[in-house]
Amino acid sequence: MFVRSIFAIITLVMAAPTLAQSSDNHDAAHQAADAREMPVTQSLNNQVSATVTQAQTANAVAQAQNESNQAQYQSDLAAYEQAVRNHHRDVLSTDATYMRQREAYALAMRDWRAQVEMCRKGYQKVCDLPAPDPMKYM
């Protein structure tokens, strides 16, 4: 018995919104209200639609600009990376040239010291020789 009562109460609670909605909306008062509200509602809907269209257009323009900016950024990044590689290649080349020049100078100085030592020992012919040229050691 108690279960039947609970079931009846639940049924009535669930059916109440449906019953409230099923009232006759086609009477003269509702039709007059609909006639007054319809143009306002349509106008508001049109405004919302126009705003949505403007937002979509602005978003499309922003997206296109972002894609353009991203492409430019990628291009700039690739150019920068190429410049770094070129600079690195130049540095390595300069370093290699510097190492060769240093080695040539060291060899020329070694030979010059030997020449000076031989001159001090009395080898006159060696004293008359020009100093070694580092460019000949490269």
Foldseek 3Di string as FASTA:
>chain_A
DVVVVVVVVVVCVVCVVVVVVPPDCPDPVNVVVCVVCVVVVVVVVVVVVVVVVVVVVVVVVVVVVVVVVVVVVVVVVVVVVVVVVVVVVVVVVVVVVVVLLVVLVVVLVVVQVVLVVVVVVPPVVSVPDDRDDSVVSD
